[in-house]
Structures are given as structure tokens and as C-alpha cells.
Amino acid sequence: MHDAGEATRAGIATHVGLTRAAVSSLVEQLLEHGFVSEWGKTSSGQAGRPGTVLKVARSGPAGLGVEINIDYVTVCVVDLAGTDRVRLVEHFDNRGVQPSEVLARAARLAARAIGSAAEQDLVPAGVHVALPGLVTGGTVRQAPNLGWQRVAVEGLFAQALLALRPAHRPLPVSSDNEANAAALAELWFGAGTEGVRSFLYLTGEIGIGGALVLGGELLRGAHGFAGEIGHMVVDPDGPLCRCGARGCLEQYAGQAALLTAAGIDADAGVQGVAELERRARRGDPVALSAIERAGQRLGVVLSGAVNLFDPDAVMLGGVYRELMDWLAPAVDRELALRVVSGLWSEDGKRLRASSSLGDAARGAAGVIVREVLADPAACAEREQG
């Protein structure tokens, strides 16, 4: 039902190879627990009674996604159909702030989103937290741009959220890298819906995050840390990075590097990026030169990744999406020069701006939605418990 948008009991039975009686029994359970709803009758044009249209419910279980980044927190509630129903954003500098305080801020924003969702008869089935760092087993092992080391994110966030909602059932909390969440959003809500199933996703913020989707599956690596393209080395004798190495890509093409090269305060955040975009539109030579140099470095590093993994496309998100008109030519030029297959130049349109729907908070909420769709019985059991 989710994938098709709508279906009938007879159509489902034909599609999945179960008997109509078995499908009807399962549908009744889904209706009882509020996972699907009936939307009137439809006719196939053949003899027999018209079927009842079934769709995933617009109320009931939902996904709650939280993106904690360097200078903002975004919270998103997505219903089972994949529609963005609540979105809240707060901008503040999280660098140098105690992790417990940052997570408490995020929990307060999440609690507000849960309240707004309740007004629409939506109940989050869980929370997925996306963060800019190495995340495994509920812990941020390292987040250089936040200054975090071995922070038990899931436990601290769950504790902060429960303190704000003591009369409510604790929500399950999970976590992942923010670039992974953004890539999944692109897969589920953006380019993936157009048939692009293998792509490299790059997000430009204060740091640079990356993720790789191959054949519709996120490539995580042996320890879950795959995709850290921002810390690939451009110049081993280059400037010192927050990760402790020298010459990392984000020192040349991250948000701070871009703003500094354009003569804008590196700590200006979203206002600085907006100013850079305004200058680029005016044709300011310093701004255009800064963007082109960043694009050249990006293209060099991306070409290595394309040669290694052979994706269908490269998606640029975050601030790169806003600067795509000026950034893309330099990136594309390096990719065309360095991708050894020669297919980059032949295929065309393989370098893309990410979809407006492909952000980390939405992807994080989508993780919860996918868990519900994969096992609605387990979700119903938790609700009853």
C-alpha cells in the first residue's frame, strides 16, 4: 500500500500471492491498529463487486527525526505515507557547549514537535537522531566539529525527553551519522523515487559529510563509519583540521573555508551563506573565485570516490545545493577529467543538486517510518504495552 500509494484487498492478494482471506485478515489487523484506512470504492471495470481502496493512514503512527548539527537543530515528523507534517528549526552554535545541554535543547524541540503532531492525531513510534560525526552503538565516538568524544547520545537524549514528558511512555531512541540520514532521505523521497539507486551523497555544512548508496542500500562499512569524505586528504601539508590531521577536504571546501575565502566571517552561519550566494549572483569576483576553488577540490576528491565505487550519480546537498549554479562547473570539469571510465562526460546530468526533500531530519524520521512499515505488529505491541 505504501509503495503503490493505494491498493485493494484483491490487488494486494494478486501482488503478494496470498489468498484473499489471508490478506483480508491482515488488513483488518492493520485497520484496527490505525496503520491503514479505507477510502471508498473502486471498480476495475470487470464483473463483480467494486473493491475498497486502502491507503496508509494519515494519522496514528509516525516517525520523529532529529538532526543536531553544528549551528542548528531540526526536528521533523513524517507520517506513514512519507509526508512531512511537522518541522521545527532552531539556530544556535553548538560548538563548545556541553553535549548534555545540546541534547536537552534538541529534546525540548522534539517535545514541541510531538505536541504539534498530537494536534494532527499523529503519535511518533520512535525517535532517530542524526549527528555530524562517527556514530555507533548509540554513542558518538567522535564529532570533531562539535568537540564531542564518546558521548552516549541515545541515553542522554532519551533521558532529557522523558524528563519533559514524565507521564508518557518512553520513546525508543536510535542514532546515526547525519549524512547517512540525508542520503536515505534522498533515496526514499528524492532521486531514489526517480530510479536512481546508486549514488554518492555529499553534504556541505561547517563540516563535510558523505554517504554512499549502492543498489538502494546504504554502504556502512565494517564499523559503520563509511562515507567520511570530508576527511579525505587534499594536501598532507595543508592546514590543521579539527580531526587532528592536516589538509582534509573540509579545510578547503567546507562552509567556513568557503566563507573565509570569499571575505565573509567564517562564523556567520546561514546568514554568511546567504551573503555568499548574493555576491555570487552579483558576479562578485572574489566570491566566484572562492566557490570555483572549492569546487575544484571537491571534484578532485569526488573523482577518486567515483572511480572506486562507480555510482550512477553524485548528489550535492547542504550549502552546496544553494551554491550549485556556481559550484557545479568546476566539480563537473574535474570529474570529466579524472573519472577513468569516460562515462562521466558521456552520460551527462550525473552531478545533481540534492532534492529539497533530501535532508537529514526527514531521513531520520523516515528510518522510524520504515521500521513501522517493516514490522507493524511490533509497533502495535509497544503501543499497547
Protein backbone atom coordinates (compact mmCIF):
# COMPACT_ATOMS: atom_id res chain seq x y z
CA MET A 1 0.00 0.00 0.00
CA HIS A 2 2.79 2.40 0.90
CA ASP A 3 4.75 1.81 -2.30
CA ALA A 4 1.73 1.94 -4.61
CA GLY A 5 0.01 4.82 -2.84
CA GLU A 6 -3.24 2.88 -2.67
CA ALA A 7 -4.49 -0.69 -3.20
CA THR A 8 -7.45 -3.01 -2.76
CA ARG A 9 -7.55 -6.30 -0.88
CA ALA A 10 -7.89 -8.19 -4.17
CA GLY A 11 -5.00 -6.27 -5.72
CA ILE A 12 -2.75 -7.00 -2.75
CA ALA A 13 -3.65 -10.69 -2.86
CA THR A 14 -2.67 -10.85 -6.52
CA HIS A 15 0.53 -8.92 -5.98
CA VAL A 16 1.91 -10.82 -2.98
CA GLY A 17 0.50 -14.27 -3.80
CA LEU A 18 -1.62 -14.75 -0.67
CA THR A 19 -5.25 -15.78 -0.57
CA ARG A 20 -7.89 -13.07 -0.32
CA ALA A 21 -8.92 -14.44 3.06
CA ALA A 22 -5.37 -14.14 4.40
CA VAL A 23 -5.00 -10.61 3.04
CA SER A 24 -8.38 -9.58 4.47
CA SER A 25 -7.36 -10.87 7.90
CA LEU A 26 -4.10 -8.91 7.81
CA VAL A 27 -5.82 -5.78 6.55
CA GLU A 28 -8.34 -5.93 9.40
CA GLN A 29 -5.47 -6.01 11.89
CA LEU A 30 -3.82 -3.04 10.20
CA LEU A 31 -7.13 -1.15 10.25
CA GLU A 32 -7.67 -1.98 13.92
CA HIS A 33 -4.31 -0.55 14.94
CA GLY A 34 -4.60 2.55 12.75
CA PHE A 35 -1.90 1.74 10.21
CA VAL A 36 -4.21 1.92 7.18
CA SER A 37 -7.56 3.49 6.34
CA GLU A 38 -10.35 2.87 3.84
CA TRP A 39 -11.04 5.47 1.14
CA GLY A 40 -14.25 4.44 -0.61
CA LYS A 41 -14.88 2.07 -3.51
CA THR A 42 -13.12 1.49 -6.79
CA SER A 43 -14.05 -0.50 -9.87
CA SER A 44 -11.65 -2.45 -12.10
CA GLY A 45 -14.12 -2.43 -14.96
CA GLN A 46 -14.61 -6.19 -14.60
CA ALA A 47 -17.58 -8.13 -13.29
CA GLY A 48 -18.01 -8.34 -9.52
CA ARG A 49 -18.28 -6.02 -6.58
CA PRO A 50 -16.08 -2.91 -6.51
CA GLY A 51 -13.12 -3.10 -4.14
CA THR A 52 -12.45 -0.81 -1.21
CA VAL A 53 -9.48 1.50 -1.65
CA LEU A 54 -6.86 1.15 1.09
CA LYS A 55 -4.14 3.68 1.90
CA VAL A 56 -1.61 4.02 4.69
CA ALA A 57 -3.14 6.15 7.42
CA ARG A 58 -2.60 9.91 7.59
CA SER A 59 -2.98 9.73 11.37
CA GLY A 60 -1.65 7.33 14.01
CA PRO A 61 1.96 6.10 13.99
CA ALA A 62 4.63 8.43 12.61
CA GLY A 63 8.39 8.92 12.56
CA LEU A 64 10.24 11.59 14.55
CA GLY A 65 13.62 12.69 13.21
CA VAL A 66 16.09 14.98 14.97
CA GLU A 67 19.13 16.47 13.23
CA ILE A 68 21.73 18.01 15.54
CA ASN A 69 24.28 19.97 13.55
CA ILE A 70 27.00 22.47 14.34
CA ASP A 71 24.84 25.59 14.29
CA TYR A 72 21.24 24.37 14.25
CA VAL A 73 18.81 21.66 15.31
CA THR A 74 15.95 20.48 13.09
CA VAL A 75 13.08 18.25 14.16
CA CYS A 76 10.71 16.62 11.68
CA VAL A 77 7.61 14.43 11.98
CA VAL A 78 6.75 12.29 8.96
CA ASP A 79 3.56 10.22 8.61
CA LEU A 80 3.44 6.67 7.24
CA ALA A 81 2.78 7.97 3.73
CA GLY A 82 6.10 9.87 3.87
CA THR A 83 4.58 13.33 4.19
CA ASP A 84 6.39 15.98 6.22
CA ARG A 85 3.77 17.01 8.81
CA VAL A 86 5.75 18.98 11.43
CA ARG A 87 9.08 20.78 11.00
CA LEU A 88 10.80 22.94 13.60
CA VAL A 89 14.25 24.56 13.30
CA GLU A 90 16.30 26.45 15.86
CA HIS A 91 19.65 28.08 15.12
CA PHE A 92 22.33 28.23 17.79
CA ASP A 93 26.04 27.48 17.92
CA ASN A 94 26.55 24.04 19.46
CA ARG A 95 30.35 24.20 19.40
CA GLY A 96 31.95 24.22 22.83
CA VAL A 97 28.59 23.53 24.53
CA GLN A 98 28.28 20.52 26.83
CA PRO A 99 26.71 17.58 24.96
CA SER A 100 24.07 17.16 27.65
CA GLU A 101 22.96 20.77 27.13
CA VAL A 102 22.80 20.41 23.34
CA LEU A 103 20.81 17.20 23.65
CA ALA A 104 18.47 18.82 26.18
CA ARG A 105 17.81 21.67 23.70
CA ALA A 106 17.10 19.12 20.99
CA ALA A 107 14.78 17.21 23.33
CA ARG A 108 12.81 20.38 24.08
CA LEU A 109 12.34 20.99 20.36
CA ALA A 110 11.34 17.33 19.89
CA ALA A 111 8.78 17.62 22.70
CA ARG A 112 7.25 20.63 20.94
CA ALA A 113 7.08 18.65 17.70
CA ILE A 114 5.40 15.74 19.47
CA GLY A 115 2.78 18.18 20.80
CA SER A 116 2.18 19.61 17.33
CA ALA A 117 1.92 16.09 15.92
CA ALA A 118 -0.66 15.15 18.55
CA GLU A 119 -2.86 18.02 17.32
CA GLN A 120 -2.90 16.17 13.97
CA ASP A 121 -3.62 12.79 15.62
CA LEU A 122 -0.07 11.59 14.96
CA VAL A 123 1.90 9.59 17.52
CA PRO A 124 5.65 9.08 16.88
CA ALA A 125 6.64 5.44 17.16
CA GLY A 126 10.26 6.34 17.92
CA VAL A 127 13.00 8.94 17.55
CA HIS A 128 16.03 8.75 15.28
CA VAL A 129 18.81 11.26 15.98
CA ALA A 130 21.23 12.28 13.20
CA LEU A 131 24.58 13.84 14.15
CA PRO A 132 27.73 15.09 12.36
CA GLY A 133 30.27 12.54 13.49
CA LEU A 134 31.19 8.89 13.89
CA VAL A 135 28.14 7.24 15.45
CA THR A 136 27.92 3.62 16.56
CA GLY A 137 26.03 1.69 19.21
CA GLY A 138 24.13 4.73 20.46
CA THR A 139 27.36 6.67 21.05
CA VAL A 140 29.08 9.49 19.17
CA ARG A 141 32.60 8.14 19.06
CA GLN A 142 33.97 11.36 17.63
CA ALA A 143 32.41 14.58 16.32
CA PRO A 144 35.37 16.93 15.70
CA ASN A 145 33.34 20.00 14.74
CA LEU A 146 31.21 19.70 17.87
CA GLY A 147 34.18 18.78 20.06
CA TRP A 148 32.45 15.59 21.23
CA GLN A 149 34.21 12.39 22.22
CA ARG A 150 32.43 9.19 23.25
CA VAL A 151 29.06 10.78 24.08
CA ALA A 152 26.21 8.36 24.90
CA VAL A 153 23.75 10.24 22.70
CA GLU A 154 20.81 7.86 22.78
CA GLY A 155 20.78 7.54 26.56
CA LEU A 156 21.20 11.26 27.22
CA PHE A 157 18.56 12.26 24.66
CA ALA A 158 16.06 9.66 25.91
CA GLN A 159 16.59 10.85 29.49
CA ALA A 160 16.11 14.51 28.54
CA LEU A 161 12.94 13.77 26.53
CA LEU A 162 11.45 11.63 29.29
CA ALA A 163 12.08 14.40 31.83
CA LEU A 164 9.94 16.71 29.66
CA ARG A 165 7.17 14.09 29.26
CA PRO A 166 7.18 12.10 32.54
CA ALA A 167 3.59 10.93 32.16
CA HIS A 168 4.18 9.43 28.72
CA ARG A 169 5.62 6.14 27.51
CA PRO A 170 9.37 6.45 26.75
CA LEU A 171 10.02 6.52 23.03
CA PRO A 172 12.66 4.21 21.53
CA VAL A 173 15.71 6.26 20.50
CA SER A 174 18.22 5.36 17.78
CA SER A 175 21.02 7.35 16.14
CA ASP A 176 23.26 7.61 13.07
CA ASN A 177 25.50 9.95 11.12
CA GLU A 178 23.64 12.91 9.60
CA ALA A 179 24.98 12.32 6.07
CA ASN A 180 23.65 8.76 6.19
CA ALA A 181 20.23 10.08 7.19
CA ALA A 182 20.28 12.69 4.41
CA ALA A 183 21.28 10.06 1.84
CA LEU A 184 18.40 7.84 2.96
CA ALA A 185 16.02 10.79 2.59
CA GLU A 186 17.32 11.26 -0.96
CA LEU A 187 16.78 7.54 -1.63
CA TRP A 188 13.27 7.38 -0.17
CA PHE A 189 11.87 10.82 -1.01
CA GLY A 190 14.14 12.34 -3.68
CA ALA A 191 16.22 10.90 -6.52
CA GLY A 192 15.52 7.33 -5.45
CA THR A 193 11.90 7.82 -6.43
CA GLU A 194 13.14 8.64 -9.96
CA GLY A 195 15.01 5.35 -10.25
CA VAL A 196 18.49 6.47 -9.10
CA ARG A 197 19.52 3.63 -6.79
CA SER A 198 23.32 4.06 -6.62
CA PHE A 199 24.73 7.46 -5.73
CA LEU A 200 27.31 9.29 -3.70
CA TYR A 201 25.78 11.91 -1.42
CA LEU A 202 27.84 14.87 -0.21
CA THR A 203 26.54 17.43 2.24
CA GLY A 204 28.33 20.71 2.83
CA GLU A 205 27.88 22.32 6.22
CA ILE A 206 30.56 23.59 8.61
CA GLY A 207 31.95 20.10 8.11
CA ILE A 208 31.57 17.93 5.01
CA GLY A 209 29.63 14.67 5.32
CA GLY A 210 29.30 11.89 2.81
CA ALA A 211 27.35 8.69 2.30
CA LEU A 212 27.22 6.05 -0.40
CA VAL A 213 24.08 4.24 -1.56
CA LEU A 214 24.61 1.21 -3.78
CA GLY A 215 21.68 -0.70 -5.25
CA GLY A 216 19.25 1.00 -2.89
CA GLU A 217 21.25 0.09 0.24
CA LEU A 218 23.38 2.35 2.41
CA LEU A 219 27.03 1.27 2.49
CA ARG A 220 28.11 1.43 6.13
CA GLY A 221 31.50 -0.29 6.15
CA ALA A 222 32.83 -2.76 8.70
CA HIS A 223 32.34 -0.42 11.67
CA GLY A 224 29.58 1.87 10.40
CA PHE A 225 31.92 4.75 9.58
CA ALA A 226 31.93 4.68 5.77
CA GLY A 227 31.47 7.95 3.91
CA GLU A 228 33.78 10.32 5.84
CA ILE A 229 34.78 12.05 2.63
CA GLY A 230 35.31 15.38 4.38
CA HIS A 231 38.44 13.95 5.95
CA MET A 232 39.99 12.65 2.77
CA VAL A 233 43.33 14.40 2.38
CA VAL A 234 43.77 17.04 -0.31
CA ASP A 235 47.24 18.13 0.84
CA PRO A 236 49.14 16.30 3.63
CA ASP A 237 50.97 19.57 4.42
CA GLY A 238 47.76 21.61 4.44
CA PRO A 239 46.01 23.37 7.32
CA LEU A 240 45.28 21.52 10.54
CA CYS A 241 41.79 20.01 10.71
CA ARG A 242 39.71 19.58 13.86
CA CYS A 243 40.07 15.81 13.43
CA GLY A 244 43.80 16.17 14.11
CA ALA A 245 45.04 15.53 10.55
CA ARG A 246 46.24 18.09 8.02
CA GLY A 247 44.86 19.05 4.65
CA CYS A 248 41.38 17.47 4.92
CA LEU A 249 38.85 18.36 2.23
CA GLU A 250 36.66 20.36 4.59
CA GLN A 251 39.57 22.74 5.22
CA TYR A 252 39.28 23.71 1.55
CA ALA A 253 35.62 23.25 0.70
CA GLY A 254 33.70 23.30 3.99
CA GLN A 255 31.37 26.17 4.83
CA ALA A 256 33.93 28.04 6.96
CA ALA A 257 36.61 27.70 4.27
CA LEU A 258 34.22 28.97 1.59
CA LEU A 259 33.16 32.00 3.61
CA THR A 260 36.71 32.89 4.62
CA ALA A 261 37.96 32.69 1.03
CA ALA A 262 35.11 34.99 -0.02
CA GLY A 263 35.96 37.55 2.66
CA ILE A 264 32.94 36.73 4.84
CA ASP A 265 33.06 35.93 8.56
CA ALA A 266 33.54 32.16 8.86
CA ASP A 267 31.16 32.09 11.86
CA ALA A 268 28.33 33.92 10.06
CA GLY A 269 26.42 30.64 9.55
CA VAL A 270 23.31 30.67 7.36
CA GLN A 271 23.49 34.46 7.03
CA GLY A 272 27.03 34.11 5.72
CA VAL A 273 25.99 31.51 3.16
CA ALA A 274 23.11 33.74 2.05
CA GLU A 275 25.56 36.64 1.65
CA LEU A 276 27.91 34.43 -0.38
CA GLU A 277 25.01 33.49 -2.65
CA ARG A 278 24.03 37.16 -3.07
CA ARG A 279 27.60 38.09 -4.00
CA ALA A 280 27.81 35.23 -6.48
CA ARG A 281 24.57 36.37 -8.12
CA ARG A 282 26.03 39.88 -8.46
CA GLY A 283 29.10 38.41 -10.13
CA ASP A 284 31.48 39.36 -7.32
CA PRO A 285 34.89 38.04 -8.49
CA VAL A 286 36.15 37.17 -5.00
CA ALA A 287 33.04 35.15 -4.20
CA LEU A 288 33.07 33.39 -7.56
CA SER A 289 36.76 32.56 -7.21
CA ALA A 290 36.20 31.12 -3.72
CA ILE A 291 33.38 28.90 -4.96
CA GLU A 292 35.34 27.75 -8.00
CA ARG A 293 38.39 26.79 -5.93
CA ALA A 294 36.19 24.83 -3.54
CA GLY A 295 34.51 23.13 -6.49
CA GLN A 296 37.87 22.15 -7.94
CA ARG A 297 38.94 20.49 -4.67
CA LEU A 298 35.59 18.78 -4.38
CA GLY A 299 35.85 17.47 -7.93
CA VAL A 300 39.32 16.02 -7.35
CA VAL A 301 38.23 14.11 -4.24
CA LEU A 302 34.88 13.04 -5.69
CA SER A 303 36.55 11.65 -8.81
CA GLY A 304 38.50 9.22 -6.64
CA ALA A 305 35.30 8.07 -4.97
CA VAL A 306 33.53 7.70 -8.33
CA ASN A 307 36.44 5.66 -9.71
CA LEU A 308 36.30 3.42 -6.64
CA PHE A 309 32.54 2.84 -6.37
CA ASP A 310 31.08 3.64 -9.83
CA PRO A 311 27.80 5.29 -8.69
CA ASP A 312 25.11 6.45 -11.12
CA ALA A 313 25.20 9.97 -9.75
CA VAL A 314 26.74 12.39 -7.27
CA MET A 315 24.31 14.43 -5.16
CA LEU A 316 25.37 17.69 -3.53
CA GLY A 317 23.37 18.82 -0.50
CA GLY A 318 23.59 21.32 2.35
CA VAL A 319 25.15 24.65 1.37
CA TYR A 320 26.35 23.10 -1.89
CA ARG A 321 22.75 22.83 -3.03
CA GLU A 322 22.34 26.59 -2.62
CA LEU A 323 25.58 27.30 -4.50
CA MET A 324 25.08 24.68 -7.21
CA ASP A 325 24.88 27.13 -10.14
CA TRP A 326 28.44 28.35 -9.49
CA LEU A 327 29.93 25.25 -7.87
CA ALA A 328 28.87 22.62 -10.40
CA PRO A 329 31.01 23.69 -13.39
CA ALA A 330 34.30 23.27 -11.51
CA VAL A 331 33.20 19.98 -9.90
CA ASP A 332 31.94 18.62 -13.22
CA ARG A 333 35.11 19.64 -15.01
CA GLU A 334 37.32 17.69 -12.60
CA LEU A 335 35.04 14.65 -12.70
CA ALA A 336 35.04 14.63 -16.50
CA LEU A 337 38.84 14.87 -16.49
CA ARG A 338 39.54 12.26 -13.82
CA VAL A 339 36.84 9.55 -13.96
CA VAL A 340 38.71 6.86 -15.87
CA SER A 341 35.70 5.13 -17.43
CA GLY A 342 34.98 8.19 -19.57
CA LEU A 343 31.28 7.67 -18.83
CA TRP A 344 31.01 10.84 -16.77
CA SER A 345 31.25 13.05 -19.84
CA GLU A 346 29.13 10.72 -21.99
CA ASP A 347 26.18 10.22 -19.64
CA GLY A 348 25.57 13.82 -18.59
CA LYS A 349 23.48 15.03 -15.63
CA ARG A 350 25.26 12.72 -13.21
CA LEU A 351 26.14 15.64 -10.93
CA ARG A 352 22.94 16.78 -9.25
CA ALA A 353 21.72 19.08 -6.52
CA SER A 354 20.03 17.09 -3.81
CA SER A 355 16.26 17.15 -3.64
CA SER A 356 14.58 19.68 -1.37
CA LEU A 357 13.15 16.60 0.39
CA GLY A 358 16.57 15.05 0.97
CA ASP A 359 17.55 16.43 4.37
CA ALA A 360 18.84 14.58 7.43
CA ALA A 361 15.88 15.29 9.73
CA ARG A 362 13.43 13.91 7.18
CA GLY A 363 15.67 10.90 6.55
CA ALA A 364 15.89 10.28 10.29
CA ALA A 365 12.10 10.36 10.58
CA GLY A 366 11.94 8.06 7.56
CA VAL A 367 14.07 5.49 9.41
CA ILE A 368 11.32 5.20 12.04
CA VAL A 369 8.60 5.05 9.38
CA ARG A 370 10.44 2.21 7.60
CA GLU A 371 10.72 0.31 10.87
CA VAL A 372 6.97 0.60 11.39
CA LEU A 373 6.22 -0.49 7.82
CA ALA A 374 8.59 -3.45 8.15
CA ASP A 375 7.02 -4.71 11.40
CA PRO A 376 3.71 -3.02 12.28
CA ALA A 377 2.87 -5.80 14.76
CA ALA A 378 5.90 -4.93 16.89
CA CYS A 379 4.90 -1.25 16.82
CA ALA A 380 1.33 -2.11 17.87
CA GLU A 381 2.67 -4.27 20.70
CA ARG A 382 4.81 -1.40 22.03
CA GLU A 383 1.84 0.96 21.90
CA GLN A 384 -0.31 -1.47 23.86
CA GLY A 385 2.48 -2.07 26.38
